[in-house]
C-alpha atoms as a PDB file:
ATOM      1  CA  UNK A   1     -49.059  25.480  40.356  1.00  0.00           C
ATOM      2  CA  UNK A   2     -49.358  22.763  37.774  1.00  0.00           C
ATOM      3  CA  UNK A   3     -50.270  25.369  35.212  1.00  0.00           C
ATOM      4  CA  UNK A   4     -47.313  27.529  36.096  1.00  0.00           C
ATOM      5  CA  UNK A   5     -45.011  24.512  36.051  1.00  0.00           C
ATOM      6  CA  UNK A   6     -46.281  23.449  32.665  1.00  0.00           C
ATOM      7  CA  UNK A   7     -45.871  26.948  31.323  1.00  0.00           C
ATOM      8  CA  UNK A   8     -42.325  27.074  32.696  1.00  0.00           C
ATOM      9  CA  UNK A   9     -41.467  23.716  31.105  1.00  0.00           C
ATOM     10  CA  UNK A  10     -42.869  24.853  27.783  1.00  0.00           C
ATOM     11  CA  UNK A  11     -40.826  28.038  28.004  1.00  0.00           C
ATOM     12  CA  UNK A  12     -37.673  26.057  28.819  1.00  0.00           C
ATOM     13  CA  UNK A  13     -38.353  23.631  25.969  1.00  0.00           C
ATOM     14  CA  UNK A  14     -38.809  26.573  23.596  1.00  0.00           C
ATOM     15  CA  UNK A  15     -35.464  28.038  24.692  1.00  0.00           C
ATOM     16  CA  UNK A  16     -33.764  24.667  24.287  1.00  0.00           C
ATOM     17  CA  UNK A  17     -35.138  24.265  20.743  1.00  0.00           C
ATOM     18  CA  UNK A  18     -33.904  27.753  19.862  1.00  0.00           C
ATOM     19  CA  UNK A  19     -30.462  26.895  21.170  1.00  0.00           C
ATOM     20  CA  UNK A  20     -30.399  23.672  19.141  1.00  0.00           C
ATOM     21  CA  UNK A  21     -31.366  25.601  15.978  1.00  0.00           C
ATOM     22  CA  UNK A  22     -28.654  28.186  16.640  1.00  0.00           C
ATOM     23  CA  UNK A  23     -26.042  25.451  17.172  1.00  0.00           C
ATOM     24  CA  UNK A  24     -27.195  23.718  13.951  1.00  0.00           C
ATOM     25  CA  UNK A  25     -26.992  26.963  12.013  1.00  0.00           C
ATOM     26  CA  UNK A  26     -23.542  27.658  13.480  1.00  0.00           C
ATOM     27  CA  UNK A  27     -22.304  24.165  12.537  1.00  0.00           C
ATOM     28  CA  UNK A  28     -23.713  24.593   9.047  1.00  0.00           C
ATOM     29  CA  UNK A  29     -21.965  27.977   8.662  1.00  0.00           C
ATOM     30  CA  UNK A  30     -18.644  26.417   9.745  1.00  0.00           C
ATOM     31  CA  UNK A  31     -19.186  23.569   7.324  1.00  0.00           C
ATOM     32  CA  UNK A  32     -19.910  25.925   4.431  1.00  0.00           C
ATOM     33  CA  UNK A  33     -16.823  28.010   5.274  1.00  0.00           C
ATOM     34  CA  UNK A  34     -14.690  24.873   5.330  1.00  0.00           C
ATOM     35  CA  UNK A  35     -15.984  23.738   1.955  1.00  0.00           C
ATOM     36  CA  UNK A  36     -15.412  27.167   0.441  1.00  0.00           C
ATOM     37  CA  UNK A  37     -11.851  27.372   1.755  1.00  0.00           C
ATOM     38  CA  UNK A  38     -11.039  23.776   0.810  1.00  0.00           C
ATOM     39  CA  UNK A  39     -12.420  24.284  -2.716  1.00  0.00           C
ATOM     40  CA  UNK A  40     -10.864  27.707  -3.266  1.00  0.00           C
ATOM     41  CA  UNK A  41      -8.049  26.521  -5.544  1.00  0.00           C
ATOM     42  CA  UNK A  42     -10.634  24.936  -7.839  1.00  0.00           C
ATOM     43  CA  UNK A  43     -13.001  27.914  -8.013  1.00  0.00           C
ATOM     44  CA  UNK A  44     -11.496  29.362 -11.187  1.00  0.00           C
ATOM     45  CA  UNK A  45     -12.313  26.099 -13.009  1.00  0.00           C
ATOM     46  CA  UNK A  46     -15.765  25.509 -11.585  1.00  0.00           C
ATOM     47  CA  UNK A  47     -17.726  28.585 -12.583  1.00  0.00           C
ATOM     48  CA  UNK A  48     -20.421  26.500 -14.266  1.00  0.00           C
ATOM     49  CA  UNK A  49     -21.535  24.811 -11.029  1.00  0.00           C
ATOM     50  CA  UNK A  50     -22.896  26.019  -7.680  1.00  0.00           C
ATOM     51  CA  UNK A  51     -23.298  24.218  -4.361  1.00  0.00           C
ATOM     52  CA  UNK A  52     -26.804  24.100  -2.942  1.00  0.00           C
ATOM     53  CA  UNK A  53     -27.971  23.023   0.519  1.00  0.00           C
ATOM     54  CA  UNK A  54     -31.276  21.385   1.362  1.00  0.00           C
ATOM     55  CA  UNK A  55     -33.233  23.359   3.960  1.00  0.00           C
ATOM     56  CA  UNK A  56     -34.866  20.102   5.034  1.00  0.00           C
ATOM     57  CA  UNK A  57     -31.832  18.084   6.152  1.00  0.00           C
ATOM     58  CA  UNK A  58     -28.727  20.175   5.326  1.00  0.00           C
ATOM     59  CA  UNK A  59     -27.612  17.810   2.541  1.00  0.00           C
ATOM     60  CA  UNK A  60     -25.543  19.149  -0.363  1.00  0.00           C
ATOM     61  CA  UNK A  61     -26.123  19.070  -4.091  1.00  0.00           C
ATOM     62  CA  UNK A  62     -25.029  20.916  -7.219  1.00  0.00           C
ATOM     63  CA  UNK A  63     -26.771  23.129  -9.794  1.00  0.00           C
ATOM     64  CA  UNK A  64     -25.428  24.427 -13.068  1.00  0.00           C
ATOM     65  CA  UNK A  65     -25.414  28.087 -14.137  1.00  0.00           C
ATOM     66  CA  UNK A  66     -28.907  27.638 -15.624  1.00  0.00           C
ATOM     67  CA  UNK A  67     -30.287  26.692 -12.207  1.00  0.00           C
ATOM     68  CA  UNK A  68     -30.771  23.060 -13.226  1.00  0.00           C
ATOM     69  CA  UNK A  69     -30.061  20.346 -10.669  1.00  0.00           C
ATOM     70  CA  UNK A  70     -26.922  18.444 -11.623  1.00  0.00           C
ATOM     71  CA  UNK A  71     -26.535  16.443  -8.419  1.00  0.00           C
ATOM     72  CA  UNK A  72     -29.452  16.018  -6.010  1.00  0.00           C
ATOM     73  CA  UNK A  73     -29.130  17.359  -2.466  1.00  0.00           C
ATOM     74  CA  UNK A  74     -28.197  14.043  -0.843  1.00  0.00           C
ATOM     75  CA  UNK A  75     -24.513  14.314   0.208  1.00  0.00           C
ATOM     76  CA  UNK A  76     -23.018  15.194   3.558  1.00  0.00           C
ATOM     77  CA  UNK A  77     -20.578  17.488   1.719  1.00  0.00           C
ATOM     78  CA  UNK A  78     -19.500  18.328  -1.827  1.00  0.00           C
ATOM     79  CA  UNK A  79     -16.288  19.943  -3.114  1.00  0.00           C
ATOM     80  CA  UNK A  80     -16.130  21.122  -6.758  1.00  0.00           C
ATOM     81  CA  UNK A  81     -12.952  20.019  -8.513  1.00  0.00           C
ATOM     82  CA  UNK A  82     -11.002  21.742 -11.257  1.00  0.00           C
ATOM     83  CA  UNK A  83     -12.550  19.773 -14.112  1.00  0.00           C
ATOM     84  CA  UNK A  84     -16.160  20.161 -12.871  1.00  0.00           C
ATOM     85  CA  UNK A  85     -16.134  16.730 -11.250  1.00  0.00           C
ATOM     86  CA  UNK A  86     -16.913  16.538  -7.532  1.00  0.00           C
ATOM     87  CA  UNK A  87     -15.439  15.136  -4.341  1.00  0.00           C
ATOM     88  CA  UNK A  88     -18.430  13.953  -2.299  1.00  0.00           C
ATOM     89  CA  UNK A  89     -19.058  12.441   1.128  1.00  0.00           C
ATOM     90  CA  UNK A  90     -22.124  10.287   1.504  1.00  0.00           C
ATOM     91  CA  UNK A  91     -21.806  10.519   5.273  1.00  0.00           C
ATOM     92  CA  UNK A  92     -19.856  12.517   7.805  1.00  0.00           C
ATOM     93  CA  UNK A  93     -17.492  11.143   8.973  1.00  0.00           C
ATOM     94  CA  UNK A  94     -16.835   8.836   6.052  1.00  0.00           C
ATOM     95  CA  UNK A  95     -14.630   8.186   3.050  1.00  0.00           C
ATOM     96  CA  UNK A  96     -15.020  10.461   0.006  1.00  0.00           C
ATOM     97  CA  UNK A  97     -15.421   9.519  -3.619  1.00  0.00           C
ATOM     98  CA  UNK A  98     -15.136  11.428  -6.877  1.00  0.00           C
ATOM     99  CA  UNK A  99     -18.158  11.558  -9.151  1.00  0.00           C
ATOM    100  CA  UNK A 100     -18.928  13.373 -12.405  1.00  0.00           C
ATOM    101  CA  UNK A 101     -22.009  15.468 -13.135  1.00  0.00           C
ATOM    102  CA  UNK A 102     -23.883  12.378 -14.262  1.00  0.00           C
ATOM    103  CA  UNK A 103     -23.356  10.860 -10.826  1.00  0.00           C
ATOM    104  CA  UNK A 104     -20.948   8.244 -12.177  1.00  0.00           C
ATOM    105  CA  UNK A 105     -18.230   7.139  -9.751  1.00  0.00           C
ATOM    106  CA  UNK A 106     -14.719   7.980 -10.985  1.00  0.00           C
ATOM    107  CA  UNK A 107     -12.808   7.284  -7.769  1.00  0.00           C
ATOM    108  CA  UNK A 108     -14.633   5.064  -5.295  1.00  0.00           C
ATOM    109  CA  UNK A 109     -14.529   5.463  -1.502  1.00  0.00           C
ATOM    110  CA  UNK A 110     -12.763   2.102  -1.158  1.00  0.00           C
ATOM    111  CA  UNK A 111      -9.570   3.900  -2.232  1.00  0.00           C
ATOM    112  CA  UNK A 112      -9.534   5.588   1.212  1.00  0.00           C
ATOM    113  CA  UNK A 113      -8.316   8.932  -0.107  1.00  0.00           C
ATOM    114  CA  UNK A 114      -8.271  11.942   2.188  1.00  0.00           C
ATOM    115  CA  UNK A 115      -8.437  14.650  -0.453  1.00  0.00           C
ATOM    116  CA  UNK A 116      -7.947  15.532  -4.107  1.00  0.00           C
ATOM    117  CA  UNK A 117      -4.996  17.872  -4.756  1.00  0.00           C
ATOM    118  CA  UNK A 118      -5.684  18.425  -8.457  1.00  0.00           C
ATOM    119  CA  UNK A 119      -7.735  17.116 -11.373  1.00  0.00           C
ATOM    120  CA  UNK A 120      -7.292  17.016 -15.136  1.00  0.00           C
ATOM    121  CA  UNK A 121      -9.042  15.078 -17.902  1.00  0.00           C
ATOM    122  CA  UNK A 122     -10.405  12.320 -15.603  1.00  0.00           C
ATOM    123  CA  UNK A 123      -7.017  12.009 -13.871  1.00  0.00           C
ATOM    124  CA  UNK A 124      -6.840  12.815 -10.166  1.00  0.00           C
ATOM    125  CA  UNK A 125      -3.910  13.530  -7.885  1.00  0.00           C
ATOM    126  CA  UNK A 126      -5.116  12.266  -4.544  1.00  0.00           C
ATOM    127  CA  UNK A 127      -3.652  11.884  -1.090  1.00  0.00           C
ATOM    128  CA  UNK A 128      -4.322   8.834   1.031  1.00  0.00           C
ATOM    129  CA  UNK A 129      -5.483   9.115   4.644  1.00  0.00           C
ATOM    130  CA  UNK A 130      -3.821   6.567   6.917  1.00  0.00           C
ATOM    131  CA  UNK A 131      -3.469   6.217  10.680  1.00  0.00           C
ATOM    132  CA  UNK A 132      -5.181   9.533  11.367  1.00  0.00           C
ATOM    133  CA  UNK A 133      -3.103  11.692   9.041  1.00  0.00           C
ATOM    134  CA  UNK A 134      -2.505  12.506   5.402  1.00  0.00           C
ATOM    135  CA  UNK A 135      -0.105  10.022   3.788  1.00  0.00           C
ATOM    136  CA  UNK A 136       1.357   9.301   0.349  1.00  0.00           C
ATOM    137  CA  UNK A 137       0.200  10.896  -2.886  1.00  0.00           C
ATOM    138  CA  UNK A 138      -1.182   8.857  -5.778  1.00  0.00           C
ATOM    139  CA  UNK A 139      -2.167   9.467  -9.400  1.00  0.00           C
ATOM    140  CA  UNK A 140      -5.494   7.827 -10.265  1.00  0.00           C
ATOM    141  CA  UNK A 141      -7.178   7.564 -13.641  1.00  0.00           C
ATOM    142  CA  UNK A 142     -10.950   7.067 -13.693  1.00  0.00           C
ATOM    143  CA  UNK A 143     -12.391   4.683 -12.927  1.00  0.00           C
ATOM    144  CA  UNK A 144     -10.203   3.619 -10.001  1.00  0.00           C
ATOM    145  CA  UNK A 145      -6.969   2.864 -11.889  1.00  0.00           C
ATOM    146  CA  UNK A 146      -3.907   3.693  -9.773  1.00  0.00           C
ATOM    147  CA  UNK A 147      -1.206   4.849 -12.207  1.00  0.00           C
ATOM    148  CA  UNK A 148       1.538   5.901  -9.803  1.00  0.00           C
ATOM    149  CA  UNK A 149       2.285   5.999  -6.088  1.00  0.00           C
ATOM    150  CA  UNK A 150       4.692   8.805  -5.202  1.00  0.00           C
ATOM    151  CA  UNK A 151       7.368   8.017  -2.598  1.00  0.00           C
ATOM    152  CA  UNK A 152       6.289   9.264   0.825  1.00  0.00           C
ATOM    153  CA  UNK A 153       8.855  12.109   0.839  1.00  0.00           C
ATOM    154  CA  UNK A 154       6.846  13.945  -1.844  1.00  0.00           C
ATOM    155  CA  UNK A 155       4.412  16.162   0.028  1.00  0.00           C
ATOM    156  CA  UNK A 156       2.636  17.949  -2.835  1.00  0.00           C
ATOM    157  CA  UNK A 157       1.834  17.342  -6.516  1.00  0.00           C
ATOM    158  CA  UNK A 158      -0.075  19.162  -9.250  1.00  0.00           C
ATOM    159  CA  UNK A 159      -0.761  19.042 -12.966  1.00  0.00           C
ATOM    160  CA  UNK A 160       1.382  21.350 -15.063  1.00  0.00           C
ATOM    161  CA  UNK A 161      -1.203  22.295 -17.661  1.00  0.00           C
ATOM    162  CA  UNK A 162       0.238  23.101 -21.073  1.00  0.00           C
ATOM    163  CA  UNK A 163      -1.546  23.377 -24.393  1.00  0.00           C
ATOM    164  CA  UNK A 164       0.999  20.999 -25.880  1.00  0.00           C
ATOM    165  CA  UNK A 165       1.783  18.567 -23.095  1.00  0.00           C
ATOM    166  CA  UNK A 166       0.340  18.227 -19.578  1.00  0.00           C
ATOM    167  CA  UNK A 167       2.282  16.375 -16.901  1.00  0.00           C
ATOM    168  CA  UNK A 168       2.582  16.061 -13.132  1.00  0.00           C
ATOM    169  CA  UNK A 169       5.144  17.786 -10.902  1.00  0.00           C
ATOM    170  CA  UNK A 170       5.676  16.520  -7.351  1.00  0.00           C
ATOM    171  CA  UNK A 171       7.708  18.372  -4.738  1.00  0.00           C
ATOM    172  CA  UNK A 172       9.420  17.409  -1.465  1.00  0.00           C
ATOM    173  CA  UNK A 173       9.974  19.747   1.468  1.00  0.00           C
ATOM    174  CA  UNK A 174      13.490  20.367   0.123  1.00  0.00           C
ATOM    175  CA  UNK A 175      13.458  23.253  -2.437  1.00  0.00           C
ATOM    176  CA  UNK A 176      14.120  22.103  -5.993  1.00  0.00           C
ATOM    177  CA  UNK A 177      13.711  18.392  -5.288  1.00  0.00           C
ATOM    178  CA  UNK A 178      11.071  17.472  -7.857  1.00  0.00           C
ATOM    179  CA  UNK A 179       9.684  14.411  -9.588  1.00  0.00           C
ATOM    180  CA  UNK A 180       7.868  14.691 -12.923  1.00  0.00           C
ATOM    181  CA  UNK A 181       5.661  11.981 -14.414  1.00  0.00           C
ATOM    182  CA  UNK A 182       3.420  11.933 -17.463  1.00  0.00           C
ATOM    183  CA  UNK A 183      -0.338  11.421 -17.112  1.00  0.00           C
ATOM    184  CA  UNK A 184       0.147   7.713 -17.835  1.00  0.00           C
ATOM    185  CA  UNK A 185       2.232   7.395 -14.662  1.00  0.00           C
ATOM    186  CA  UNK A 186       5.614   7.084 -16.390  1.00  0.00           C
ATOM    187  CA  UNK A 187       8.583   8.909 -14.822  1.00  0.00           C
ATOM    188  CA  UNK A 188       9.956  11.805 -16.892  1.00  0.00           C
ATOM    189  CA  UNK A 189      12.421  13.407 -14.506  1.00  0.00           C
ATOM    190  CA  UNK A 190      13.619  13.021 -10.959  1.00  0.00           C
ATOM    191  CA  UNK A 191      16.560  12.420  -8.652  1.00  0.00           C
ATOM    192  CA  UNK A 192      17.502   9.197 -10.464  1.00  0.00           C
ATOM    193  CA  UNK A 193      17.507  10.784 -13.931  1.00  0.00           C
ATOM    194  CA  UNK A 194      21.117  11.203 -15.059  1.00  0.00           C
ATOM    195  CA  UNK A 195      20.236  13.483 -17.999  1.00  0.00           C
ATOM    196  CA  UNK A 196      18.220  16.263 -16.357  1.00  0.00           C
ATOM    197  CA  UNK A 197      16.572  17.308 -13.097  1.00  0.00           C
ATOM    198  CA  UNK A 198      13.305  18.923 -14.201  1.00  0.00           C
ATOM    199  CA  UNK A 199      11.393  20.457 -17.089  1.00  0.00           C
ATOM    200  CA  UNK A 200      11.713  24.202 -17.578  1.00  0.00           C
ATOM    201  CA  UNK A 201       9.139  24.674 -20.362  1.00  0.00           C
ATOM    202  CA  UNK A 202       7.500  23.013 -23.376  1.00  0.00           C
ATOM    203  CA  UNK A 203       8.716  24.278 -26.738  1.00  0.00           C
ATOM    204  CA  UNK A 204       6.118  25.840 -29.034  1.00  0.00           C
ATOM    205  CA  UNK A 205       4.678  25.144 -31.523  1.00  0.00           C
ATOM    206  CA  UNK A 206       3.662  21.731 -30.186  1.00  0.00           C
ATOM    207  CA  UNK A 207       6.369  19.289 -31.199  1.00  0.00           C
ATOM    208  CA  UNK A 208       6.831  17.039 -28.181  1.00  0.00           C
ATOM    209  CA  UNK A 209      10.041  18.765 -27.073  1.00  0.00           C
ATOM    210  CA  UNK A 210      10.834  20.247 -23.685  1.00  0.00           C
ATOM    211  CA  UNK A 211      13.615  22.500 -22.438  1.00  0.00           C
ATOM    212  CA  UNK A 212      15.096  20.692 -19.430  1.00  0.00           C
ATOM    213  CA  UNK A 213      17.600  21.700 -16.758  1.00  0.00           C
ATOM    214  CA  UNK A 214      20.432  19.882 -15.006  1.00  0.00           C
ATOM    215  CA  UNK A 215      22.412  21.094 -11.999  1.00  0.00           C
ATOM    216  CA  UNK A 216      26.047  20.346 -12.781  1.00  0.00           C
ATOM    217  CA  UNK A 217      27.621  21.628  -9.609  1.00  0.00           C
ATOM    218  CA  UNK A 218      30.357  24.202 -10.163  1.00  0.00           C
ATOM    219  CA  UNK A 219      29.335  24.504 -13.831  1.00  0.00           C
ATOM    220  CA  UNK A 220      25.887  25.741 -12.765  1.00  0.00           C
ATOM    221  CA  UNK A 221      22.441  24.761 -14.035  1.00  0.00           C
ATOM    222  CA  UNK A 222      22.574  23.999 -17.748  1.00  0.00           C
ATOM    223  CA  UNK A 223      19.888  23.555 -20.390  1.00  0.00           C
ATOM    224  CA  UNK A 224      19.151  20.843 -22.935  1.00  0.00           C
ATOM    225  CA  UNK A 225      16.243  19.452 -24.970  1.00  0.00           C
ATOM    226  CA  UNK A 226      14.276  16.281 -24.224  1.00  0.00           C
ATOM    227  CA  UNK A 227      11.942  14.472 -26.627  1.00  0.00           C
ATOM    228  CA  UNK A 228       8.882  13.699 -24.492  1.00  0.00           C
ATOM    229  CA  UNK A 229       7.251  11.427 -27.059  1.00  0.00           C
ATOM    230  CA  UNK A 230      10.259   9.226 -27.681  1.00  0.00           C
ATOM    231  CA  UNK A 231      11.636   9.531 -24.129  1.00  0.00           C
ATOM    232  CA  UNK A 232      15.164  10.550 -25.063  1.00  0.00           C
ATOM    233  CA  UNK A 233      17.579  13.484 -24.896  1.00  0.00           C
ATOM    234  CA  UNK A 234      18.193  15.069 -28.281  1.00  0.00           C
ATOM    235  CA  UNK A 235      20.390  17.953 -27.043  1.00  0.00           C
ATOM    236  CA  UNK A 236      22.384  17.344 -23.847  1.00  0.00           C
ATOM    237  CA  UNK A 237      22.309  19.788 -20.907  1.00  0.00           C
ATOM    238  CA  UNK A 238      25.466  21.605 -21.928  1.00  0.00           C
ATOM    239  CA  UNK A 239      24.087  25.079 -22.725  1.00  0.00           C
ATOM    240  CA  UNK A 240      23.327  28.259 -20.774  1.00  0.00           C
ATOM    241  CA  UNK A 241      19.896  28.575 -22.379  1.00  0.00           C
ATOM    242  CA  UNK A 242      17.634  27.116 -25.058  1.00  0.00           C
ATOM    243  CA  UNK A 243      15.015  28.866 -27.157  1.00  0.00           C
ATOM    244  CA  UNK A 244      13.220  28.427 -30.456  1.00  0.00           C
ATOM    245  CA  UNK A 245      14.013  30.637 -33.432  1.00  0.00           C
ATOM    246  CA  UNK A 246      10.502  31.547 -34.624  1.00  0.00           C
ATOM    247  CA  UNK A 247      11.185  32.107 -38.324  1.00  0.00           C
ATOM    248  CA  UNK A 248      13.376  29.086 -39.062  1.00  0.00           C
ATOM    249  CA  UNK A 249      11.821  26.829 -36.355  1.00  0.00           C
ATOM    250  CA  UNK A 250      15.350  25.837 -35.370  1.00  0.00           C
ATOM    251  CA  UNK A 251      16.542  25.450 -31.788  1.00  0.00           C
ATOM    252  CA  UNK A 252      19.032  28.024 -30.520  1.00  0.00           C
ATOM    253  CA  UNK A 253      21.436  26.509 -27.978  1.00  0.00           C
ATOM    254  CA  UNK A 254      23.390  29.302 -26.260  1.00  0.00           C
ATOM    255  CA  UNK A 255      27.029  28.864 -25.361  1.00  0.00           C
ATOM    256  CA  UNK A 256      27.678  28.542 -21.603  1.00  0.00           C
ATOM    257  CA  UNK A 257      30.851  30.663 -21.767  1.00  0.00           C
ATOM    258  CA  UNK A 258      29.980  33.330 -24.319  1.00  0.00           C
ATOM    259  CA  UNK A 259      26.272  33.495 -23.520  1.00  0.00           C
ATOM    260  CA  UNK A 260      25.301  35.698 -26.503  1.00  0.00           C
ATOM    261  CA  UNK A 261      26.587  33.131 -28.990  1.00  0.00           C
ATOM    262  CA  UNK A 262      24.659  30.057 -30.012  1.00  0.00           C
ATOM    263  CA  UNK A 263      24.425  27.078 -32.379  1.00  0.00           C
ATOM    264  CA  UNK A 264      21.373  25.987 -34.337  1.00  0.00           C
ATOM    265  CA  UNK A 265      19.834  22.485 -34.121  1.00  0.00           C
ATOM    266  CA  UNK A 266      16.840  20.963 -35.885  1.00  0.00           C
ATOM    267  CA  UNK A 267      13.889  19.333 -34.113  1.00  0.00           C
ATOM    268  CA  UNK A 268      15.667  15.987 -34.025  1.00  0.00           C
ATOM    269  CA  UNK A 269      18.743  17.416 -32.334  1.00  0.00           C
ATOM    270  CA  UNK A 270      20.952  17.506 -35.405  1.00  0.00           C
ATOM    271  CA  UNK A 271      23.490  20.336 -35.460  1.00  0.00           C
ATOM    272  CA  UNK A 272      22.723  22.664 -38.424  1.00  0.00           C
ATOM    273  CA  UNK A 273      25.082  25.587 -37.873  1.00  0.00           C
ATOM    274  CA  UNK A 274      27.677  26.636 -35.339  1.00  0.00           C
ATOM    275  CA  UNK A 275      28.110  30.284 -34.293  1.00  0.00           C
ATOM    276  CA  UNK A 276      31.113  30.652 -36.556  1.00  0.00           C
ATOM    277  CA  UNK A 277      28.969  29.610 -39.525  1.00  0.00           C
ATOM    278  CA  UNK A 278      26.035  31.799 -38.463  1.00  0.00           C
ATOM    279  CA  UNK A 279      27.988  35.059 -38.082  1.00  0.00           C
ATOM    280  CA  UNK A 280      29.568  34.857 -41.560  1.00  0.00           C
END
């Protein structure tokens, strides 16, 4: 009897251990799926790095495309960011931090962020986690310098990457209600800006000028030109459209009534020719 009992206990223990291993594997699969989904928006920027998992304790690390270890397998979870930095958790549950591929801390866990929405040139758009839910959005420059706290009504923000000028756009739930700041945390456009509502595009070649739009009610949404470097309007939002004339490098400001007619301005906003002068 004792022998049979012992054999039965061993068999039960073996089944229990198998069940534990299955549960662990299932949890690990869920965890991997979560990390893949959460990091999906960054995947196009992170092709040089690959997540690896330790078979010993399930800890995460990172290898480069040569198979070399960049970050040792010692974190509870790792999410690759858009600039090849990483959001890492030392423990689960716990507060994350942002590190680079040298292991240097760019955003420490004492900031109590919940996630990173976007990353660019050691600048991070993060969202705080407070009272059990995601809270206000913040722009942080490494290491740990808070540049701007967005008002709570802004629910999403991202970097608008441009070869000439990169800035941040934040959006509320209401369509079209935006706030734009530069990567130094200075406001460019928003609800309190009397000159324009938001940036339409950056003029090329790179000259520090942006086509901006202003909703003027019954007159419609009109275009103007804003000098990003000097923080001033050079052409008011009084035109149906703005574009650059490639050959002369002059700005074409289209009439809001006769939309095929335009005037020409230089890069400082000085009127060069009216339509009457151009068509002669």
